[in-house]
């Protein structure tokens, strides 16, 4: 299926690694131009170079997303280089384990800055361009906002905020023909996830335990599977879909994890 994304300029925060990188790769394969926004020049350059080597197009922009001025500069740089913005994927963030019992208000607020505030700021700065192109926004969220996890109050709150902003923006921006959706991630295998699981005593055993609790096919979601849904939601093929929280998680969030196949 042609997703009709040829030459579309899509901002992807955290697009150099993990889920963001998979989104950038799928966008480039569809003929779009992902604008990879992240703090590391070397990571951005590597992602862009690899996409270009495969025949795609991409641009890298360095920005510390916790800095409002840097977010604004990144959007302005994208417009200066590409002339337009057709979509925004808010993806960057990290599960930072700021909990209630041992955390502090300062840590909690800093986590919201890392995981939520730049979602708002990137959308705000990109909005004039999105109005002009009738673009789309996709926010990446986490099942933690719905299931809880323990030891991660700030990250859970940030993801609850992402869900709320998705539905709020869908209402606010519908008059401009801007669609806003979220893709909710549960257990997705990425380099960062692999790094975390290696800190456990028995990585293979721990992964097997986690996968045993995922109802569909007893396996983790791949980053590409997340990316495929994101890119579909950015495309005109999803032209009447807005305000949705779409779970790409093998049924983890909403199916009984005791079910056997």
Protein backbone atom coordinates (compact mmCIF):
# COMPACT_ATOMS: atom_id res chain seq x y z
CA UNK A 1 0.00 0.00 0.00
CA UNK A 2 1.26 3.44 -0.92
CA UNK A 3 0.97 5.54 2.25
CA UNK A 4 1.19 8.76 0.22
CA UNK A 5 4.06 10.14 2.27
CA UNK A 6 6.44 10.93 -0.58
CA UNK A 7 8.46 14.10 0.21
CA UNK A 8 6.60 14.66 3.49
CA UNK A 9 8.76 16.26 6.20
CA UNK A 10 8.28 14.57 9.57
CA UNK A 11 9.96 15.64 12.81
CA UNK A 12 10.96 12.67 15.01
CA UNK A 13 12.29 13.45 18.46
CA UNK A 14 14.73 10.86 19.74
CA UNK A 15 14.90 9.57 16.19
CA UNK A 16 18.49 8.31 16.26
CA UNK A 17 17.94 5.21 18.36
CA UNK A 18 15.39 2.61 19.42
CA UNK A 19 11.76 3.18 18.50
CA UNK A 20 12.51 6.63 17.11
CA UNK A 21 15.12 5.22 14.78
CA UNK A 22 12.71 2.54 13.56
CA UNK A 23 10.16 5.27 12.84
CA UNK A 24 12.74 7.27 10.89
CA UNK A 25 13.71 4.17 8.90
CA UNK A 26 10.11 3.34 7.95
CA UNK A 27 9.39 6.96 7.04
CA UNK A 28 12.43 7.07 4.76
CA UNK A 29 11.41 3.78 3.15
CA UNK A 30 8.03 5.38 2.35
CA UNK A 31 9.74 8.30 0.62
CA UNK A 32 9.28 10.77 3.47
CA UNK A 33 12.05 12.90 4.95
CA UNK A 34 12.49 12.20 8.67
CA UNK A 35 14.04 15.05 10.63
CA UNK A 36 15.88 13.33 13.47
CA UNK A 37 16.04 15.56 16.54
CA UNK A 38 18.20 14.60 19.50
CA UNK A 39 21.02 15.73 21.75
CA UNK A 40 23.85 13.67 20.22
CA UNK A 41 25.44 14.92 17.01
CA UNK A 42 27.22 11.60 16.45
CA UNK A 43 24.07 9.52 16.95
CA UNK A 44 22.07 11.79 14.64
CA UNK A 45 24.79 11.68 11.98
CA UNK A 46 25.03 7.90 12.13
CA UNK A 47 21.26 7.52 11.68
CA UNK A 48 21.16 9.97 8.79
CA UNK A 49 24.16 8.41 7.07
CA UNK A 50 22.71 4.91 7.30
CA UNK A 51 19.36 6.04 5.92
CA UNK A 52 21.05 7.88 3.04
CA UNK A 53 23.24 4.84 2.31
CA UNK A 54 20.05 2.83 1.75
CA UNK A 55 18.76 5.39 -0.73
CA UNK A 56 16.56 7.40 1.61
CA UNK A 57 16.62 10.98 2.78
CA UNK A 58 16.97 12.30 6.32
CA UNK A 59 18.17 15.31 8.24
CA UNK A 60 19.68 15.48 11.72
CA UNK A 61 19.25 18.40 14.11
CA UNK A 62 20.96 18.60 17.49
CA UNK A 63 18.71 19.78 20.33
CA UNK A 64 18.48 19.30 24.07
CA UNK A 65 14.74 18.81 24.34
CA UNK A 66 14.57 19.88 27.98
CA UNK A 67 15.54 23.37 26.76
CA UNK A 68 12.58 25.29 25.39
CA UNK A 69 14.76 27.55 23.25
CA UNK A 70 16.49 24.51 21.75
CA UNK A 71 13.12 23.03 20.81
CA UNK A 72 12.17 26.23 19.04
CA UNK A 73 15.51 26.41 17.24
CA UNK A 74 15.11 22.80 16.08
CA UNK A 75 11.73 23.52 14.52
CA UNK A 76 13.02 26.69 12.85
CA UNK A 77 16.03 24.79 11.52
CA UNK A 78 13.79 22.10 10.05
CA UNK A 79 11.70 24.73 8.27
CA UNK A 80 14.80 26.53 7.02
CA UNK A 81 16.22 23.32 5.56
CA UNK A 82 13.03 21.70 4.27
CA UNK A 83 10.58 24.55 3.76
CA UNK A 84 7.71 22.83 5.54
CA UNK A 85 6.63 20.43 8.28
CA UNK A 86 4.00 17.79 7.55
CA UNK A 87 4.07 15.81 10.76
CA UNK A 88 5.50 15.48 14.26
CA UNK A 89 6.35 12.35 16.22
CA UNK A 90 6.92 13.05 19.90
CA UNK A 91 8.99 10.07 20.97
CA UNK A 92 11.93 11.03 23.17
CA UNK A 93 11.87 10.11 26.85
CA UNK A 94 13.20 7.72 29.45
CA UNK A 95 11.78 5.63 32.27
CA UNK A 96 13.81 7.16 35.09
CA UNK A 97 12.45 5.48 38.24
CA UNK A 98 11.50 8.63 40.15
CA UNK A 99 9.15 7.09 42.69
CA UNK A 100 7.01 8.36 45.56
CA UNK A 101 8.73 6.78 48.54
CA UNK A 102 12.31 7.81 47.72
CA UNK A 103 11.90 10.59 45.16
CA UNK A 104 11.72 14.34 45.60
CA UNK A 105 9.62 17.11 44.12
CA UNK A 106 12.68 18.41 42.28
CA UNK A 107 13.33 15.00 40.69
CA UNK A 108 9.65 14.62 39.84
CA UNK A 109 9.53 17.97 38.04
CA UNK A 110 12.79 17.26 36.22
CA UNK A 111 11.34 13.97 34.98
CA UNK A 112 8.25 15.74 33.65
CA UNK A 113 10.59 18.09 31.79
CA UNK A 114 12.40 15.11 30.26
CA UNK A 115 9.29 13.15 29.44
CA UNK A 116 6.32 15.45 28.89
CA UNK A 117 7.01 19.18 28.62
CA UNK A 118 8.88 18.92 25.32
CA UNK A 119 5.90 17.07 23.82
CA UNK A 120 3.93 20.27 24.36
CA UNK A 121 6.72 22.56 23.25
CA UNK A 122 7.53 20.73 20.04
CA UNK A 123 3.86 20.71 19.09
CA UNK A 124 3.49 24.40 19.95
CA UNK A 125 6.48 25.47 17.88
CA UNK A 126 5.54 23.24 14.93
CA UNK A 127 1.86 24.23 14.96
CA UNK A 128 1.98 27.08 12.40
CA UNK A 129 3.56 24.73 9.88
CA UNK A 130 1.16 21.90 10.70
CA UNK A 131 -1.77 24.25 10.19
CA UNK A 132 -0.44 25.16 6.76
CA UNK A 133 0.04 21.54 5.69
CA UNK A 134 -2.90 20.00 7.59
CA UNK A 135 -0.34 17.72 9.15
CA UNK A 136 -0.54 15.05 11.83
CA UNK A 137 0.90 14.47 15.29
CA UNK A 138 1.68 11.09 16.84
CA UNK A 139 2.68 10.87 20.49
CA UNK A 140 4.49 7.79 21.74
CA UNK A 141 3.20 6.66 25.13
CA UNK A 142 3.63 3.81 27.56
CA UNK A 143 1.38 1.20 29.15
CA UNK A 144 2.75 2.42 32.49
CA UNK A 145 0.13 5.19 32.46
CA UNK A 146 -2.60 2.54 32.53
CA UNK A 147 -1.13 -0.48 34.28
CA UNK A 148 1.31 1.13 36.68
CA UNK A 149 4.73 -0.36 37.21
CA UNK A 150 5.99 0.64 40.63
CA UNK A 151 8.98 2.87 41.34
CA UNK A 152 8.24 5.26 38.48
CA UNK A 153 5.71 7.87 39.60
CA UNK A 154 7.05 10.65 37.39
CA UNK A 155 7.26 8.57 34.22
CA UNK A 156 3.74 7.24 34.81
CA UNK A 157 2.45 10.77 35.32
CA UNK A 158 4.24 11.99 32.20
CA UNK A 159 2.67 9.23 30.12
CA UNK A 160 -0.75 9.95 31.56
CA UNK A 161 -0.15 13.52 30.41
CA UNK A 162 0.81 12.34 26.93
CA UNK A 163 -2.48 10.46 26.67
CA UNK A 164 -4.46 13.46 27.89
CA UNK A 165 -2.69 15.84 25.52
CA UNK A 166 -3.39 13.50 22.61
CA UNK A 167 -7.13 13.71 23.15
CA UNK A 168 -7.07 17.40 24.05
CA UNK A 169 -5.13 18.33 20.92
CA UNK A 170 -7.37 16.16 18.75
CA UNK A 171 -10.28 18.34 19.88
CA UNK A 172 -8.41 21.65 19.72
CA UNK A 173 -6.77 21.08 16.34
CA UNK A 174 -9.53 19.26 14.49
CA UNK A 175 -10.74 22.58 13.06
CA UNK A 176 -7.40 22.83 11.24
CA UNK A 177 -7.69 19.28 9.88
CA UNK A 178 -4.77 18.23 12.08
CA UNK A 179 -5.12 14.70 13.38
CA UNK A 180 -3.54 13.69 16.70
CA UNK A 181 -3.10 10.11 17.90
CA UNK A 182 -0.90 8.15 20.27
CA UNK A 183 0.77 4.76 20.00
CA UNK A 184 1.08 3.06 23.38
CA UNK A 185 4.06 0.79 23.90
CA UNK A 186 4.33 -2.05 26.42
CA UNK A 187 7.22 -4.51 26.18
CA UNK A 188 9.21 -3.51 23.08
CA UNK A 189 12.69 -4.86 22.39
CA UNK A 190 15.14 -2.01 21.82
CA UNK A 191 18.86 -1.51 22.52
CA UNK A 192 17.94 0.39 25.70
CA UNK A 193 15.70 -2.46 26.85
CA UNK A 194 18.49 -4.93 26.10
CA UNK A 195 20.92 -2.81 28.13
CA UNK A 196 18.54 -2.80 31.09
CA UNK A 197 17.86 -6.51 31.01
CA UNK A 198 21.60 -7.26 31.00
CA UNK A 199 21.78 -5.67 34.45
CA UNK A 200 19.68 -8.52 35.83
CA UNK A 201 21.18 -11.74 37.09
CA UNK A 202 19.79 -13.95 34.33
CA UNK A 203 18.95 -11.82 31.25
CA UNK A 204 17.68 -14.72 29.13
CA UNK A 205 15.56 -16.05 31.95
CA UNK A 206 14.15 -12.62 32.76
CA UNK A 207 13.26 -12.03 29.12
CA UNK A 208 11.50 -15.38 28.98
CA UNK A 209 9.45 -14.46 32.07
CA UNK A 210 8.41 -11.16 30.53
CA UNK A 211 7.51 -12.70 27.19
CA UNK A 212 5.46 -15.41 28.89
CA UNK A 213 3.12 -12.65 30.11
CA UNK A 214 2.48 -11.20 26.64
CA UNK A 215 -0.73 -12.84 25.39
CA UNK A 216 -0.16 -12.75 21.64
CA UNK A 217 2.64 -15.02 20.43
CA UNK A 218 4.46 -14.79 23.78
CA UNK A 219 7.05 -12.35 22.42
CA UNK A 220 8.02 -8.71 22.71
CA UNK A 221 6.87 -6.14 20.21
CA UNK A 222 9.54 -5.08 17.72
CA UNK A 223 10.43 -1.45 17.19
CA UNK A 224 9.47 -1.84 13.53
CA UNK A 225 5.95 -2.93 14.52
CA UNK A 226 5.58 0.27 16.54
CA UNK A 227 7.00 2.27 13.63
CA UNK A 228 4.59 0.74 11.11
CA UNK A 229 1.60 1.93 13.13
CA UNK A 230 3.08 5.38 13.70
CA UNK A 231 3.75 5.89 10.01
CA UNK A 232 0.25 4.71 9.11
CA UNK A 233 -1.22 7.25 11.55
CA UNK A 234 0.89 10.01 9.97
CA UNK A 235 -0.35 9.11 6.51
CA UNK A 236 -3.52 10.12 4.64
CA UNK A 237 -4.51 6.43 4.76
CA UNK A 238 -5.67 7.05 8.35
CA UNK A 239 -7.60 10.16 7.29
CA UNK A 240 -10.53 9.75 9.73
CA UNK A 241 -8.59 8.58 12.78
CA UNK A 242 -7.91 11.10 15.54
CA UNK A 243 -7.86 11.23 19.32
CA UNK A 244 -7.01 7.54 19.57
CA UNK A 245 -4.68 5.72 21.94
CA UNK A 246 -3.62 2.70 19.92
CA UNK A 247 -1.89 -0.12 21.76
CA UNK A 248 0.69 -2.03 19.75
CA UNK A 249 1.61 -4.49 22.47
CA UNK A 250 0.54 -8.05 21.67
CA UNK A 251 -2.50 -7.59 23.90
CA UNK A 252 -0.40 -6.93 27.01
CA UNK A 253 -2.43 -4.02 28.33
CA UNK A 254 -5.97 -5.18 27.66
CA UNK A 255 -5.92 -8.97 27.45
CA UNK A 256 -5.75 -11.29 30.43
CA UNK A 257 -2.09 -12.14 30.77
CA UNK A 258 -3.02 -15.47 32.33
CA UNK A 259 -4.49 -16.63 29.02
CA UNK A 260 -2.56 -19.50 27.45
CA UNK A 261 -2.32 -20.33 23.76
